[in-house]
Amino acid sequence: MVKPSRRGPMVDRLMSSYGASERHACRVLCVTRGTYRYRSCLDPRTELRMRIREIAQARVRRGYRKISVLLNREGWDVGKYLVYGLCKEEGLMLKRMRPAGKRKAARLREEKVKPTAPDEAWSIDFVSISYRMAHASGP
C-alpha cells in the first residue's frame, strides 16, 4: 500500500513519460484528483509565532502591545491586534493587574470593658423606644 503523499510523484511521472492527462493518470493509479492536487497549508505565520514566543519568554512581563512594538522594530509588519490574537492562541496572555485601591488606615478598636459592678454599663433598646413613640397616639 502506497501513501497518498507518495502517489503524487507517481502521477507526475506517468503524465510526463506517457503524456497522459491528469485525469487519466489519477484513474489508472486509483488516486482521487483532490488528493493529487492537495497542498498542505501550513500556517504562514509559524515563524511569527515562534518569534512571539521567544520574545515572551525573554521578556516575561511584556504584553501584546510591547511585543508588537518590538516586532515592528525588527522589521515585521504586524499590527497589535494580530499579535493579540496570536498571543491568545499561544496562551501567552498576561493576567490583568488590578489597580491597588486606596489603603485605609487600620482602625484601632477599643476592647469592650466587661462590667465588674452593677450600674457600670448601660445600653439602650432603640427598637422598643421607636415602637413606643410610634404607637403613643393615645390621650
N, C-alpha and C. Protein backbone atom coordinates (compact mmCIF):
# COMPACT_ATOMS: atom_id res chain seq x y z
N MET A 1 0.85 -1.18 0.00
CA MET A 1 0.00 0.00 0.00
C MET A 1 0.89 1.24 0.00
N VAL A 2 0.59 2.15 -0.86
CA VAL A 2 1.39 3.36 -1.02
C VAL A 2 0.63 4.53 -0.41
N LYS A 3 1.34 5.35 0.34
CA LYS A 3 0.72 6.52 0.96
C LYS A 3 0.31 7.53 -0.10
N PRO A 4 -0.73 8.32 0.16
CA PRO A 4 -1.16 9.33 -0.81
C PRO A 4 -0.06 10.34 -1.13
N SER A 5 0.79 10.63 -0.16
CA SER A 5 1.86 11.60 -0.43
C SER A 5 2.88 11.05 -1.43
N ARG A 6 3.00 9.72 -1.51
CA ARG A 6 3.93 9.11 -2.47
C ARG A 6 3.28 8.88 -3.83
N ARG A 7 1.96 8.91 -3.88
CA ARG A 7 1.27 8.68 -5.16
C ARG A 7 1.37 9.89 -6.08
N GLY A 8 1.52 11.09 -5.51
CA GLY A 8 1.61 12.30 -6.32
C GLY A 8 2.76 12.26 -7.31
N PRO A 9 3.98 11.95 -6.85
CA PRO A 9 5.09 11.85 -7.81
C PRO A 9 4.89 10.74 -8.85
N MET A 10 4.16 9.69 -8.46
CA MET A 10 3.89 8.62 -9.43
C MET A 10 2.98 9.13 -10.55
N VAL A 11 1.99 9.94 -10.17
CA VAL A 11 1.09 10.53 -11.17
C VAL A 11 1.89 11.47 -12.07
N ASP A 12 2.78 12.26 -11.48
CA ASP A 12 3.62 13.17 -12.28
C ASP A 12 4.49 12.40 -13.27
N ARG A 13 5.08 11.30 -12.82
CA ARG A 13 5.94 10.51 -13.70
C ARG A 13 5.13 9.90 -14.84
N LEU A 14 3.94 9.41 -14.53
CA LEU A 14 3.08 8.81 -15.55
C LEU A 14 2.67 9.86 -16.58
N MET A 15 2.37 11.07 -16.11
CA MET A 15 1.97 12.14 -17.02
C MET A 15 3.14 12.58 -17.91
N SER A 16 4.33 12.69 -17.34
CA SER A 16 5.47 13.18 -18.13
C SER A 16 6.01 12.12 -19.09
N SER A 17 6.08 10.86 -18.65
CA SER A 17 6.68 9.84 -19.51
C SER A 17 5.73 9.34 -20.59
N TYR A 18 4.43 9.24 -20.29
CA TYR A 18 3.48 8.70 -21.26
C TYR A 18 2.59 9.77 -21.89
N GLY A 19 2.69 10.98 -21.40
CA GLY A 19 1.87 12.05 -21.97
C GLY A 19 0.40 11.90 -21.62
N ALA A 20 0.10 11.23 -20.53
CA ALA A 20 -1.29 11.03 -20.11
C ALA A 20 -1.81 12.30 -19.45
N SER A 21 -3.11 12.45 -19.50
CA SER A 21 -3.72 13.59 -18.83
C SER A 21 -3.76 13.32 -17.32
N GLU A 22 -3.96 14.38 -16.59
CA GLU A 22 -4.04 14.25 -15.13
C GLU A 22 -5.18 13.33 -14.72
N ARG A 23 -6.31 13.51 -15.37
CA ARG A 23 -7.50 12.73 -15.05
C ARG A 23 -7.25 11.24 -15.32
N HIS A 24 -6.63 10.93 -16.45
CA HIS A 24 -6.38 9.54 -16.82
C HIS A 24 -5.32 8.91 -15.90
N ALA A 25 -4.24 9.66 -15.61
CA ALA A 25 -3.18 9.13 -14.75
C ALA A 25 -3.70 8.87 -13.34
N CYS A 26 -4.55 9.73 -12.83
CA CYS A 26 -5.11 9.52 -11.50
C CYS A 26 -6.04 8.31 -11.49
N ARG A 27 -6.80 8.11 -12.56
CA ARG A 27 -7.71 6.98 -12.62
C ARG A 27 -6.92 5.66 -12.67
N VAL A 28 -5.82 5.64 -13.43
CA VAL A 28 -5.01 4.42 -13.56
C VAL A 28 -4.38 4.05 -12.22
N LEU A 29 -3.91 5.03 -11.46
CA LEU A 29 -3.24 4.76 -10.18
C LEU A 29 -4.19 4.76 -8.99
N CYS A 30 -5.49 4.88 -9.26
CA CYS A 30 -6.52 4.89 -8.20
C CYS A 30 -6.27 6.00 -7.17
N VAL A 31 -6.00 7.18 -7.69
CA VAL A 31 -5.78 8.36 -6.84
C VAL A 31 -6.87 9.36 -7.18
N THR A 32 -7.52 9.87 -6.16
CA THR A 32 -8.51 10.92 -6.43
C THR A 32 -7.77 12.19 -6.82
N ARG A 33 -8.38 12.96 -7.69
CA ARG A 33 -7.72 14.18 -8.17
C ARG A 33 -7.57 15.20 -7.05
N GLY A 34 -8.50 15.17 -6.11
CA GLY A 34 -8.38 16.06 -4.95
C GLY A 34 -7.15 15.74 -4.12
N THR A 35 -6.88 14.44 -3.96
CA THR A 35 -5.69 14.04 -3.21
C THR A 35 -4.43 14.44 -3.97
N TYR A 36 -4.45 14.29 -5.29
CA TYR A 36 -3.28 14.64 -6.09
C TYR A 36 -2.99 16.14 -6.03
N ARG A 37 -4.04 16.94 -6.07
CA ARG A 37 -3.86 18.40 -6.11
C ARG A 37 -3.68 19.01 -4.72
N TYR A 38 -3.86 18.23 -3.69
CA TYR A 38 -3.80 18.75 -2.32
C TYR A 38 -2.42 19.31 -2.01
N ARG A 39 -2.40 20.50 -1.48
CA ARG A 39 -1.16 21.11 -1.00
C ARG A 39 -1.38 21.44 0.48
N SER A 40 -0.50 20.96 1.30
CA SER A 40 -0.68 21.21 2.73
C SER A 40 -0.55 22.70 3.00
N CYS A 41 -1.50 23.21 3.73
CA CYS A 41 -1.46 24.63 4.03
C CYS A 41 -0.97 24.80 5.46
N LEU A 42 0.33 24.86 5.59
CA LEU A 42 0.91 25.16 6.89
C LEU A 42 0.61 26.62 7.21
N ASP A 43 0.53 26.89 8.47
CA ASP A 43 0.24 28.26 8.88
C ASP A 43 1.38 29.16 8.41
N PRO A 44 1.08 30.16 7.59
CA PRO A 44 2.16 31.03 7.10
C PRO A 44 2.79 31.87 8.20
N ARG A 45 2.19 31.87 9.36
CA ARG A 45 2.69 32.70 10.45
C ARG A 45 3.48 31.89 11.48
N THR A 46 3.97 30.71 11.10
CA THR A 46 4.70 29.89 12.08
C THR A 46 5.96 30.59 12.55
N GLU A 47 6.67 31.26 11.65
CA GLU A 47 7.87 31.99 12.05
C GLU A 47 7.52 33.13 13.01
N LEU A 48 6.42 33.81 12.69
CA LEU A 48 5.98 34.91 13.55
C LEU A 48 5.59 34.38 14.93
N ARG A 49 4.88 33.26 14.97
CA ARG A 49 4.50 32.65 16.25
C ARG A 49 5.74 32.28 17.07
N MET A 50 6.73 31.70 16.39
CA MET A 50 7.95 31.32 17.10
C MET A 50 8.66 32.56 17.66
N ARG A 51 8.69 33.64 16.88
CA ARG A 51 9.36 34.86 17.33
C ARG A 51 8.60 35.49 18.50
N ILE A 52 7.28 35.46 18.44
CA ILE A 52 6.47 36.00 19.55
C ILE A 52 6.75 35.20 20.81
N ARG A 53 6.81 33.87 20.68
CA ARG A 53 7.08 33.02 21.84
C ARG A 53 8.47 33.32 22.41
N GLU A 54 9.47 33.53 21.54
CA GLU A 54 10.82 33.85 22.01
C GLU A 54 10.83 35.17 22.78
N ILE A 55 10.16 36.17 22.23
CA ILE A 55 10.12 37.48 22.91
C ILE A 55 9.40 37.35 24.24
N ALA A 56 8.30 36.61 24.27
CA ALA A 56 7.53 36.46 25.50
C ALA A 56 8.33 35.72 26.57
N GLN A 57 9.17 34.77 26.16
CA GLN A 57 9.99 34.05 27.14
C GLN A 57 11.15 34.91 27.62
N ALA A 58 11.71 35.73 26.73
CA ALA A 58 12.83 36.58 27.12
C ALA A 58 12.37 37.73 28.01
N ARG A 59 11.23 38.30 27.70
CA ARG A 59 10.69 39.41 28.47
C ARG A 59 9.34 38.99 29.01
N VAL A 60 9.35 38.50 30.23
CA VAL A 60 8.17 37.83 30.77
C VAL A 60 6.99 38.77 30.97
N ARG A 61 7.20 39.93 31.53
CA ARG A 61 6.09 40.82 31.85
C ARG A 61 5.80 41.81 30.73
N ARG A 62 5.90 41.38 29.49
CA ARG A 62 5.57 42.24 28.35
C ARG A 62 4.23 41.79 27.80
N GLY A 63 3.39 42.74 27.49
CA GLY A 63 2.09 42.43 26.91
C GLY A 63 2.15 42.40 25.40
N TYR A 64 0.99 42.19 24.78
CA TYR A 64 0.95 42.08 23.33
C TYR A 64 1.32 43.39 22.64
N ARG A 65 1.03 44.52 23.27
CA ARG A 65 1.37 45.81 22.66
C ARG A 65 2.88 46.00 22.57
N LYS A 66 3.56 45.69 23.66
CA LYS A 66 5.02 45.83 23.66
C LYS A 66 5.66 44.83 22.70
N ILE A 67 5.11 43.62 22.63
CA ILE A 67 5.64 42.61 21.71
C ILE A 67 5.46 43.09 20.27
N SER A 68 4.31 43.71 19.96
CA SER A 68 4.10 44.20 18.59
C SER A 68 5.06 45.34 18.26
N VAL A 69 5.37 46.19 19.23
CA VAL A 69 6.35 47.26 19.01
C VAL A 69 7.72 46.67 18.73
N LEU A 70 8.11 45.67 19.52
CA LEU A 70 9.42 45.05 19.32
C LEU A 70 9.50 44.35 17.97
N LEU A 71 8.40 43.71 17.56
CA LEU A 71 8.39 43.04 16.25
C LEU A 71 8.49 44.05 15.12
N ASN A 72 7.81 45.17 15.25
CA ASN A 72 7.90 46.22 14.22
C ASN A 72 9.31 46.79 14.13
N ARG A 73 9.99 46.89 15.27
CA ARG A 73 11.37 47.37 15.24
C ARG A 73 12.29 46.37 14.53
N GLU A 74 11.94 45.08 14.63
CA GLU A 74 12.74 44.05 13.97
C GLU A 74 12.44 43.94 12.48
N GLY A 75 11.38 44.60 12.02
CA GLY A 75 11.07 44.58 10.59
C GLY A 75 9.81 43.81 10.23
N TRP A 76 9.14 43.21 11.20
CA TRP A 76 7.89 42.51 10.93
C TRP A 76 6.80 43.57 10.75
N ASP A 77 5.95 43.39 9.76
CA ASP A 77 4.86 44.32 9.52
C ASP A 77 3.59 43.73 10.12
N VAL A 78 3.42 43.90 11.42
CA VAL A 78 2.28 43.32 12.12
C VAL A 78 1.61 44.40 12.96
N GLY A 79 0.31 44.24 13.13
CA GLY A 79 -0.45 45.14 13.97
C GLY A 79 -0.62 44.54 15.36
N LYS A 80 -1.02 45.39 16.30
CA LYS A 80 -1.13 44.91 17.67
C LYS A 80 -2.27 43.92 17.84
N TYR A 81 -3.32 44.03 17.02
CA TYR A 81 -4.44 43.11 17.18
C TYR A 81 -4.12 41.73 16.62
N LEU A 82 -3.28 41.66 15.58
CA LEU A 82 -2.81 40.37 15.09
C LEU A 82 -1.96 39.70 16.16
N VAL A 83 -1.07 40.47 16.77
CA VAL A 83 -0.22 39.94 17.84
C VAL A 83 -1.08 39.52 19.02
N TYR A 84 -2.13 40.29 19.31
CA TYR A 84 -3.04 39.94 20.40
C TYR A 84 -3.68 38.57 20.15
N GLY A 85 -4.19 38.36 18.93
CA GLY A 85 -4.82 37.09 18.60
C GLY A 85 -3.85 35.93 18.66
N LEU A 86 -2.63 36.12 18.15
CA LEU A 86 -1.64 35.05 18.18
C LEU A 86 -1.19 34.75 19.61
N CYS A 87 -1.04 35.79 20.42
CA CYS A 87 -0.68 35.57 21.83
C CYS A 87 -1.77 34.81 22.56
N LYS A 88 -3.01 35.13 22.23
CA LYS A 88 -4.13 34.46 22.88
C LYS A 88 -4.18 32.98 22.48
N GLU A 89 -3.93 32.68 21.19
CA GLU A 89 -3.91 31.30 20.73
C GLU A 89 -2.75 30.52 21.34
N GLU A 90 -1.63 31.19 21.54
CA GLU A 90 -0.44 30.52 22.08
C GLU A 90 -0.50 30.42 23.61
N GLY A 91 -1.45 31.10 24.23
CA GLY A 91 -1.56 31.05 25.68
C GLY A 91 -0.54 31.94 26.38
N LEU A 92 -0.19 33.05 25.76
CA LEU A 92 0.83 33.94 26.32
C LEU A 92 0.25 35.19 26.95
N MET A 93 -1.06 35.24 27.11
CA MET A 93 -1.67 36.46 27.63
C MET A 93 -1.35 36.62 29.11
N LEU A 94 -1.11 37.86 29.49
CA LEU A 94 -0.82 38.16 30.88
C LEU A 94 -2.13 38.31 31.64
N LYS A 95 -2.07 38.05 32.92
CA LYS A 95 -3.24 38.30 33.74
C LYS A 95 -3.34 39.79 33.98
N ARG A 96 -4.55 40.29 33.98
CA ARG A 96 -4.75 41.72 34.19
C ARG A 96 -4.38 42.08 35.61
N MET A 97 -3.70 43.20 35.73
CA MET A 97 -3.32 43.67 37.06
C MET A 97 -4.38 44.66 37.52
N ARG A 98 -4.95 44.38 38.63
CA ARG A 98 -5.95 45.29 39.17
C ARG A 98 -5.26 46.44 39.87
N PRO A 99 -5.78 47.64 39.69
CA PRO A 99 -5.16 48.76 40.39
C PRO A 99 -5.38 48.63 41.89
N ALA A 100 -4.34 48.90 42.62
CA ALA A 100 -4.44 48.81 44.08
C ALA A 100 -5.33 49.94 44.58
N GLY A 101 -6.31 49.58 45.36
CA GLY A 101 -7.22 50.59 45.89
C GLY A 101 -6.55 51.43 46.97
N LYS A 102 -7.23 52.46 47.37
CA LYS A 102 -6.68 53.30 48.43
C LYS A 102 -6.65 52.50 49.72
N ARG A 103 -5.54 52.56 50.35
CA ARG A 103 -5.41 51.80 51.59
C ARG A 103 -5.93 52.66 52.74
N LYS A 104 -6.77 52.06 53.52
CA LYS A 104 -7.33 52.78 54.66
C LYS A 104 -6.50 52.47 55.89
N ALA A 105 -6.41 53.46 56.73
CA ALA A 105 -5.68 53.26 57.98
C ALA A 105 -6.46 52.27 58.84
N ALA A 106 -5.74 51.44 59.50
CA ALA A 106 -6.38 50.44 60.34
C ALA A 106 -7.05 51.14 61.53
N ARG A 107 -8.28 50.78 61.75
CA ARG A 107 -9.00 51.36 62.88
C ARG A 107 -8.63 50.57 64.13
N LEU A 108 -8.23 51.29 65.12
CA LEU A 108 -7.91 50.63 66.38
C LEU A 108 -9.18 50.61 67.22
N ARG A 109 -9.70 49.44 67.42
CA ARG A 109 -10.93 49.32 68.19
C ARG A 109 -10.58 49.14 69.66
N GLU A 110 -11.34 49.84 70.43
CA GLU A 110 -11.16 49.68 71.87
C GLU A 110 -11.88 48.42 72.31
N GLU A 111 -11.24 47.70 73.15
CA GLU A 111 -11.86 46.47 73.63
C GLU A 111 -13.03 46.82 74.55
N LYS A 112 -14.06 46.00 74.45
CA LYS A 112 -15.22 46.23 75.31
C LYS A 112 -14.84 45.87 76.75
N VAL A 113 -15.15 46.80 77.61
CA VAL A 113 -14.85 46.57 79.03
C VAL A 113 -16.03 45.85 79.66
N LYS A 114 -15.74 44.73 80.24
CA LYS A 114 -16.81 43.98 80.90
C LYS A 114 -17.09 44.63 82.26
N PRO A 115 -18.37 44.86 82.52
CA PRO A 115 -18.70 45.49 83.81
C PRO A 115 -18.36 44.56 84.99
N THR A 116 -17.80 45.16 85.99
CA THR A 116 -17.43 44.37 87.18
C THR A 116 -18.38 44.62 88.34
N ALA A 117 -19.18 45.69 88.24
CA ALA A 117 -20.12 46.00 89.32
C ALA A 117 -21.43 46.48 88.70
N PRO A 118 -22.51 46.48 89.46
CA PRO A 118 -23.78 46.97 88.93
C PRO A 118 -23.70 48.47 88.60
N ASP A 119 -24.48 48.90 87.63
CA ASP A 119 -24.57 50.28 87.14
C ASP A 119 -23.26 50.78 86.51
N GLU A 120 -22.44 49.90 86.01
CA GLU A 120 -21.21 50.32 85.34
C GLU A 120 -21.41 50.45 83.83
N ALA A 121 -22.29 49.64 83.25
CA ALA A 121 -22.52 49.67 81.81
C ALA A 121 -24.01 49.78 81.56
N TRP A 122 -24.38 50.67 80.64
CA TRP A 122 -25.77 50.88 80.29
C TRP A 122 -25.93 50.62 78.79
N SER A 123 -27.12 50.18 78.41
CA SER A 123 -27.42 50.02 76.99
C SER A 123 -28.85 50.48 76.74
N ILE A 124 -29.14 50.82 75.50
CA ILE A 124 -30.45 51.34 75.15
C ILE A 124 -31.06 50.41 74.11
N ASP A 125 -32.35 50.14 74.26
CA ASP A 125 -33.07 49.33 73.29
C ASP A 125 -33.82 50.29 72.37
N PHE A 126 -33.21 50.61 71.20
CA PHE A 126 -33.80 51.59 70.29
C PHE A 126 -35.08 51.10 69.65
N VAL A 127 -35.23 49.80 69.47
CA VAL A 127 -36.43 49.26 68.82
C VAL A 127 -37.65 49.51 69.69
N SER A 128 -37.52 49.22 70.94
CA SER A 128 -38.69 49.40 71.81
C SER A 128 -39.02 50.87 71.99
N ILE A 129 -38.02 51.74 71.99
CA ILE A 129 -38.27 53.18 72.12
C ILE A 129 -39.03 53.68 70.90
N SER A 130 -38.56 53.31 69.68
CA SER A 130 -39.24 53.79 68.48
C SER A 130 -40.63 53.18 68.36
N TYR A 131 -40.83 51.96 68.83
CA TYR A 131 -42.13 51.32 68.78
C TYR A 131 -43.10 52.06 69.70
N ARG A 132 -42.62 52.40 70.88
CA ARG A 132 -43.48 53.10 71.83
C ARG A 132 -43.82 54.50 71.33
N MET A 133 -42.84 55.17 70.71
CA MET A 133 -43.09 56.53 70.22
C MET A 133 -44.05 56.52 69.04
N ALA A 134 -43.98 55.49 68.21
CA ALA A 134 -44.84 55.42 67.04
C ALA A 134 -46.28 55.12 67.45
N HIS A 135 -46.46 54.35 68.48
CA HIS A 135 -47.81 53.97 68.90
C HIS A 135 -48.31 54.77 70.10
N ALA A 136 -47.67 55.83 70.38
CA ALA A 136 -48.11 56.67 71.51
C ALA A 136 -49.10 57.71 71.02
N SER A 137 -50.19 57.26 70.47
CA SER A 137 -51.19 58.19 69.95
C SER A 137 -52.41 58.25 70.86
N GLY A 138 -52.23 57.81 72.05
CA GLY A 138 -53.34 57.81 73.00
C GLY A 138 -53.46 59.14 73.71
N PRO A 139 -54.56 59.32 74.53
CA PRO A 139 -54.76 60.59 75.22
C PRO A 139 -53.85 60.82 76.38
